[in-house]
C-alpha atoms as a PDB file:
ATOM      1  CA  MET A   1      13.814 -86.886   1.524  1.00  0.00           C
ATOM      2  CA  ILE A   2      10.818 -85.282  -0.194  1.00  0.00           C
ATOM      3  CA  ASN A   3      12.816 -82.199  -1.216  1.00  0.00           C
ATOM      4  CA  ALA A   4      15.557 -84.422  -2.610  1.00  0.00           C
ATOM      5  CA  MET A   5      12.982 -86.316  -4.669  1.00  0.00           C
ATOM      6  CA  ARG A   6      11.400 -83.068  -5.934  1.00  0.00           C
ATOM      7  CA  SER A   7      14.867 -81.814  -6.926  1.00  0.00           C
ATOM      8  CA  ALA A   8      15.643 -85.041  -8.768  1.00  0.00           C
ATOM      9  CA  LEU A   9      12.300 -84.970 -10.593  1.00  0.00           C
ATOM     10  CA  GLY A  10      12.886 -81.311 -11.470  1.00  0.00           C
ATOM     11  CA  TYR A  11      16.310 -82.133 -12.871  1.00  0.00           C
ATOM     12  CA  PHE A  12      14.753 -84.667 -15.240  1.00  0.00           C
ATOM     13  CA  GLY A  13      11.930 -82.288 -16.191  1.00  0.00           C
ATOM     14  CA  LEU A  14       9.238 -84.292 -14.427  1.00  0.00           C
ATOM     15  CA  ALA A  15       8.372 -81.538 -11.951  1.00  0.00           C
ATOM     16  CA  SER A  16       9.346 -77.897 -11.714  1.00  0.00           C
ATOM     17  CA  ALA A  17      10.624 -76.339  -8.516  1.00  0.00           C
ATOM     18  CA  ASP A  18       7.778 -73.812  -8.531  1.00  0.00           C
ATOM     19  CA  SER A  19       5.032 -76.391  -9.221  1.00  0.00           C
ATOM     20  CA  PRO A  20       2.437 -76.367  -6.466  1.00  0.00           C
ATOM     21  CA  ARG A  21       2.645 -79.336  -4.152  1.00  0.00           C
ATOM     22  CA  ARG A  22      -0.079 -81.807  -5.119  1.00  0.00           C
ATOM     23  CA  ALA A  23      -1.400 -81.777  -1.545  1.00  0.00           C
ATOM     24  CA  ASP A  24      -1.852 -77.986  -1.804  1.00  0.00           C
ATOM     25  CA  VAL A  25      -3.729 -78.351  -5.106  1.00  0.00           C
ATOM     26  CA  ILE A  26      -6.020 -81.031  -3.636  1.00  0.00           C
ATOM     27  CA  GLU A  27      -6.644 -78.949  -0.510  1.00  0.00           C
ATOM     28  CA  ARG A  28      -7.913 -76.019  -2.631  1.00  0.00           C
ATOM     29  CA  MET A  29     -10.388 -78.157  -4.622  1.00  0.00           C
ATOM     30  CA  PRO A  30     -13.980 -77.381  -3.609  1.00  0.00           C
ATOM     31  CA  GLY A  31     -16.487 -80.120  -2.904  1.00  0.00           C
ATOM     32  CA  LEU A  32     -14.073 -82.867  -1.842  1.00  0.00           C
ATOM     33  CA  THR A  33     -14.620 -84.752   1.394  1.00  0.00           C
ATOM     34  CA  ARG A  34     -11.677 -85.543   3.671  1.00  0.00           C
ATOM     35  CA  ARG A  35     -11.685 -89.130   2.389  1.00  0.00           C
ATOM     36  CA  ALA A  36     -11.736 -87.968  -1.254  1.00  0.00           C
ATOM     37  CA  ARG A  37      -8.856 -85.557  -0.577  1.00  0.00           C
ATOM     38  CA  ALA A  38      -6.796 -88.394   0.895  1.00  0.00           C
ATOM     39  CA  ALA A  39      -7.605 -90.672  -2.040  1.00  0.00           C
ATOM     40  CA  ALA A  40      -6.789 -87.905  -4.532  1.00  0.00           C
ATOM     41  CA  THR A  41      -3.211 -87.627  -3.366  1.00  0.00           C
ATOM     42  CA  PRO A  42      -1.319 -90.346  -5.248  1.00  0.00           C
ATOM     43  CA  ASP A  43       2.319 -91.179  -4.656  1.00  0.00           C
ATOM     44  CA  GLY A  44       4.788 -91.349  -7.477  1.00  0.00           C
ATOM     45  CA  PRO A  45       6.373 -89.285 -10.211  1.00  0.00           C
ATOM     46  CA  GLY A  46       4.516 -86.717 -12.197  1.00  0.00           C
ATOM     47  CA  LEU A  47       4.480 -84.050 -14.856  1.00  0.00           C
ATOM     48  CA  GLY A  48       4.797 -80.506 -13.470  1.00  0.00           C
ATOM     49  CA  SER A  49       2.203 -77.825 -14.148  1.00  0.00           C
ATOM     50  CA  ARG A  50       4.432 -75.826 -16.503  1.00  0.00           C
ATOM     51  CA  LEU A  51       5.638 -78.810 -18.537  1.00  0.00           C
ATOM     52  CA  VAL A  52       4.435 -80.289 -21.830  1.00  0.00           C
ATOM     53  CA  LEU A  53       5.227 -83.896 -22.746  1.00  0.00           C
ATOM     54  CA  ARG A  54       4.425 -86.007 -25.807  1.00  0.00           C
ATOM     55  CA  GLY A  55       5.181 -89.705 -25.764  1.00  0.00           C
ATOM     56  CA  GLU A  56       4.594 -92.892 -23.843  1.00  0.00           C
ATOM     57  CA  ILE A  57       4.659 -93.456 -20.091  1.00  0.00           C
ATOM     58  CA  SER A  58       4.696 -97.040 -18.816  1.00  0.00           C
ATOM     59  CA  GLY A  59       5.720 -98.842 -15.671  1.00  0.00           C
ATOM     60  CA  GLU A  60       4.900 -99.869 -12.139  1.00  0.00           C
ATOM     61  CA  GLY A  61       3.264 -97.444  -9.720  1.00  0.00           C
ATOM     62  CA  ASP A  62       1.297 -94.193  -9.879  1.00  0.00           C
ATOM     63  CA  PHE A  63       1.640 -91.211 -12.219  1.00  0.00           C
ATOM     64  CA  GLN A  64       0.272 -87.703 -11.831  1.00  0.00           C
ATOM     65  CA  ILE A  65      -0.179 -84.979 -14.427  1.00  0.00           C
ATOM     66  CA  HIS A  66      -0.291 -81.282 -13.578  1.00  0.00           C
ATOM     67  CA  GLY A  67       0.759 -80.005 -17.033  1.00  0.00           C
ATOM     68  CA  LYS A  68       0.000 -81.032 -20.621  1.00  0.00           C
ATOM     69  CA  PHE A  69       0.453 -84.584 -21.886  1.00  0.00           C
ATOM     70  CA  GLU A  70      -0.207 -86.220 -25.252  1.00  0.00           C
ATOM     71  CA  GLY A  71       0.354 -89.904 -26.012  1.00  0.00           C
ATOM     72  CA  GLU A  72      -0.059 -93.209 -24.167  1.00  0.00           C
ATOM     73  CA  ILE A  73      -0.052 -94.001 -20.445  1.00  0.00           C
ATOM     74  CA  ASN A  74       0.199 -97.594 -19.181  1.00  0.00           C
ATOM     75  CA  VAL A  75       0.862 -97.917 -15.449  1.00  0.00           C
ATOM     76  CA  SER A  76       0.054-100.480 -12.789  1.00  0.00           C
ATOM     77  CA  GLY A  77      -1.185 -97.933 -10.245  1.00  0.00           C
ATOM     78  CA  LYS A  78      -3.291 -94.774 -10.249  1.00  0.00           C
ATOM     79  CA  VAL A  79      -3.225 -91.962 -12.819  1.00  0.00           C
ATOM     80  CA  PHE A  80      -4.129 -88.596 -11.321  1.00  0.00           C
ATOM     81  CA  VAL A  81      -4.962 -85.686 -13.653  1.00  0.00           C
ATOM     82  CA  ALA A  82      -4.883 -82.492 -11.602  1.00  0.00           C
ATOM     83  CA  GLU A  83      -7.157 -79.487 -11.984  1.00  0.00           C
ATOM     84  CA  GLY A  84      -5.770 -77.346 -14.820  1.00  0.00           C
ATOM     85  CA  ALA A  85      -4.003 -80.264 -16.518  1.00  0.00           C
ATOM     86  CA  GLN A  86      -4.738 -81.121 -20.160  1.00  0.00           C
ATOM     87  CA  VAL A  87      -4.389 -84.691 -21.402  1.00  0.00           C
ATOM     88  CA  ASP A  88      -4.945 -86.099 -24.884  1.00  0.00           C
ATOM     89  CA  ALA A  89      -4.080 -89.763 -24.409  1.00  0.00           C
ATOM     90  CA  ASN A  90      -5.091 -93.370 -24.156  1.00  0.00           C
ATOM     91  CA  ILE A  91      -4.766 -94.338 -20.482  1.00  0.00           C
ATOM     92  CA  ASN A  92      -4.574 -97.836 -19.027  1.00  0.00           C
ATOM     93  CA  ALA A  93      -4.210 -98.022 -15.220  1.00  0.00           C
ATOM     94  CA  ALA A  94      -5.631 -99.608 -12.084  1.00  0.00           C
ATOM     95  CA  ALA A  95      -7.478 -96.380 -11.206  1.00  0.00           C
ATOM     96  CA  ILE A  96      -7.908 -92.951 -12.794  1.00  0.00           C
ATOM     97  CA  GLN A  97      -8.880 -89.672 -11.115  1.00  0.00           C
ATOM     98  CA  ILE A  98      -9.661 -86.681 -13.311  1.00  0.00           C
ATOM     99  CA  GLY A  99      -9.655 -83.088 -12.104  1.00  0.00           C
ATOM    100  CA  GLY A 100      -8.486 -81.559 -15.385  1.00  0.00           C
ATOM    101  CA  VAL A 101      -9.403 -82.057 -19.049  1.00  0.00           C
ATOM    102  CA  VAL A 102      -8.940 -85.519 -20.599  1.00  0.00           C
ATOM    103  CA  ARG A 103      -9.619 -86.695 -24.168  1.00  0.00           C
ATOM    104  CA  GLY A 104      -9.051 -90.303 -25.179  1.00  0.00           C
ATOM    105  CA  ASN A 105      -9.770 -93.943 -24.478  1.00  0.00           C
ATOM    106  CA  LEU A 106      -9.493 -94.882 -20.808  1.00  0.00           C
ATOM    107  CA  SER A 107      -9.334 -98.299 -19.168  1.00  0.00           C
ATOM    108  CA  ALA A 108      -9.149 -98.727 -15.391  1.00  0.00           C
ATOM    109  CA  SER A 109      -9.337-102.140 -13.748  1.00  0.00           C
ATOM    110  CA  THR A 110     -10.814-100.801 -10.485  1.00  0.00           C
ATOM    111  CA  ARG A 111     -12.366 -97.320 -10.773  1.00  0.00           C
ATOM    112  CA  VAL A 112     -12.564 -93.981 -12.513  1.00  0.00           C
ATOM    113  CA  GLU A 113     -13.514 -90.833 -10.621  1.00  0.00           C
ATOM    114  CA  ILE A 114     -14.294 -87.488 -12.236  1.00  0.00           C
ATOM    115  CA  MET A 115     -13.881 -84.654  -9.742  1.00  0.00           C
ATOM    116  CA  PRO A 116     -15.982 -81.437  -9.811  1.00  0.00           C
ATOM    117  CA  SER A 117     -13.500 -79.643 -12.087  1.00  0.00           C
ATOM    118  CA  GLY A 118     -12.986 -82.698 -14.335  1.00  0.00           C
ATOM    119  CA  VAL A 119     -13.876 -82.967 -18.019  1.00  0.00           C
ATOM    120  CA  LEU A 120     -13.760 -86.295 -19.861  1.00  0.00           C
ATOM    121  CA  THR A 121     -14.380 -86.766 -23.575  1.00  0.00           C
ATOM    122  CA  GLY A 122     -13.927 -90.308 -24.872  1.00  0.00           C
ATOM    123  CA  THR A 123     -14.541 -93.973 -24.251  1.00  0.00           C
ATOM    124  CA  LEU A 124     -14.157 -95.442 -20.783  1.00  0.00           C
ATOM    125  CA  LYS A 125     -14.059 -99.035 -19.511  1.00  0.00           C
ATOM    126  CA  THR A 126     -13.838 -99.611 -15.761  1.00  0.00           C
ATOM    127  CA  GLY A 127     -15.065-101.619 -12.786  1.00  0.00           C
ATOM    128  CA  SER A 128     -16.557 -98.595 -10.990  1.00  0.00           C
ATOM    129  CA  PHE A 129     -17.386 -95.059 -12.126  1.00  0.00           C
ATOM    130  CA  SER A 130     -18.337 -91.853 -10.347  1.00  0.00           C
ATOM    131  CA  ALA A 131     -18.683 -88.255 -11.467  1.00  0.00           C
ATOM    132  CA  ALA A 132     -19.008 -85.434  -8.959  1.00  0.00           C
ATOM    133  CA  GLU A 133     -21.577 -82.682  -9.350  1.00  0.00           C
ATOM    134  CA  GLY A 134     -20.171 -80.154 -11.797  1.00  0.00           C
ATOM    135  CA  ALA A 135     -18.076 -82.694 -13.728  1.00  0.00           C
ATOM    136  CA  SER A 136     -18.513 -82.991 -17.502  1.00  0.00           C
ATOM    137  CA  VAL A 137     -18.549 -86.349 -19.268  1.00  0.00           C
ATOM    138  CA  LYS A 138     -19.090 -86.894 -22.993  1.00  0.00           C
ATOM    139  CA  GLY A 139     -18.688 -90.309 -24.550  1.00  0.00           C
ATOM    140  CA  GLU A 140     -19.303 -93.963 -23.909  1.00  0.00           C
ATOM    141  CA  ILE A 141     -18.861 -95.592 -20.506  1.00  0.00           C
ATOM    142  CA  TRP A 142     -18.630 -99.335 -19.899  1.00  0.00           C
ATOM    143  CA  VAL A 143     -18.865-100.477 -16.276  1.00  0.00           C
ATOM    144  CA  GLU A 144     -17.933-104.142 -15.808  1.00  0.00           C
ATOM    145  CA  ARG A 145     -18.201-106.056 -12.564  1.00  0.00           C
ATOM    146  CA  ALA A 146     -14.920-107.596 -11.411  1.00  0.00           C
ATOM    147  CA  GLY A 147     -14.371-111.272 -12.099  1.00  0.00           C
ATOM    148  CA  LEU A 148     -16.645-111.516 -15.128  1.00  0.00           C
ATOM    149  CA  GLY A 149     -15.426-112.395 -18.589  1.00  0.00           C
ATOM    150  CA  ALA A 150     -15.242-109.899 -21.415  1.00  0.00           C
ATOM    151  CA  GLY A 151     -18.661-108.617 -22.270  1.00  0.00           C
ATOM    152  CA  LEU A 152     -20.448-110.413 -19.425  1.00  0.00           C
ATOM    153  CA  GLY A 153     -22.040-108.002 -16.996  1.00  0.00           C
ATOM    154  CA  ALA A 154     -21.012-104.974 -19.024  1.00  0.00           C
ATOM    155  CA  ARG A 155     -23.393-102.045 -18.888  1.00  0.00           C
ATOM    156  CA  PRO A 156     -22.826 -99.436 -21.583  1.00  0.00           C
ATOM    157  CA  VAL A 157     -23.969 -95.910 -20.887  1.00  0.00           C
ATOM    158  CA  GLU A 158     -23.889 -93.369 -23.666  1.00  0.00           C
ATOM    159  CA  LEU A 159     -23.711 -89.741 -22.596  1.00  0.00           C
ATOM    160  CA  ARG A 160     -24.394 -87.141 -25.235  1.00  0.00           C
ATOM    161  CA  SER A 161     -24.114 -83.997 -23.147  1.00  0.00           C
ATOM    162  CA  GLY A 162     -22.247 -82.782 -20.066  1.00  0.00           C
ATOM    163  CA  THR A 163     -23.484 -83.939 -16.685  1.00  0.00           C
END
């Protein structure tokens, strides 16, 4: 079943046959706990490591990026940006995990996690935020508690240099 799905995604240019399996990429990432490794393995279609895409992605479910993407991403699930991926986009999702390089405006209803290899430059609005040691974050971060109206309970944090 999994090989059939990989073949179908490859046919449509969403994953290449020689792209590393996302579980293999996660397993090689230093500094991740077993729980973080499990959480960093989203299900759903993705962009292979040797592919470049410009445009808009929208829909239900998760989306993962191992290559280069430029545009807009609006999904109901998790967006996973793998180590080595480059993204220049506005992203709106339930959760966002960054292991690669991301530039743009991000909005996640639940949480944003920057992994040790992750680099974020831009504006971020989320319910929960964490950045691992070694991650780089430059921009403005708004953390809002769930259930509060716009602007209520928001805590802006401006970061001027990498952390």
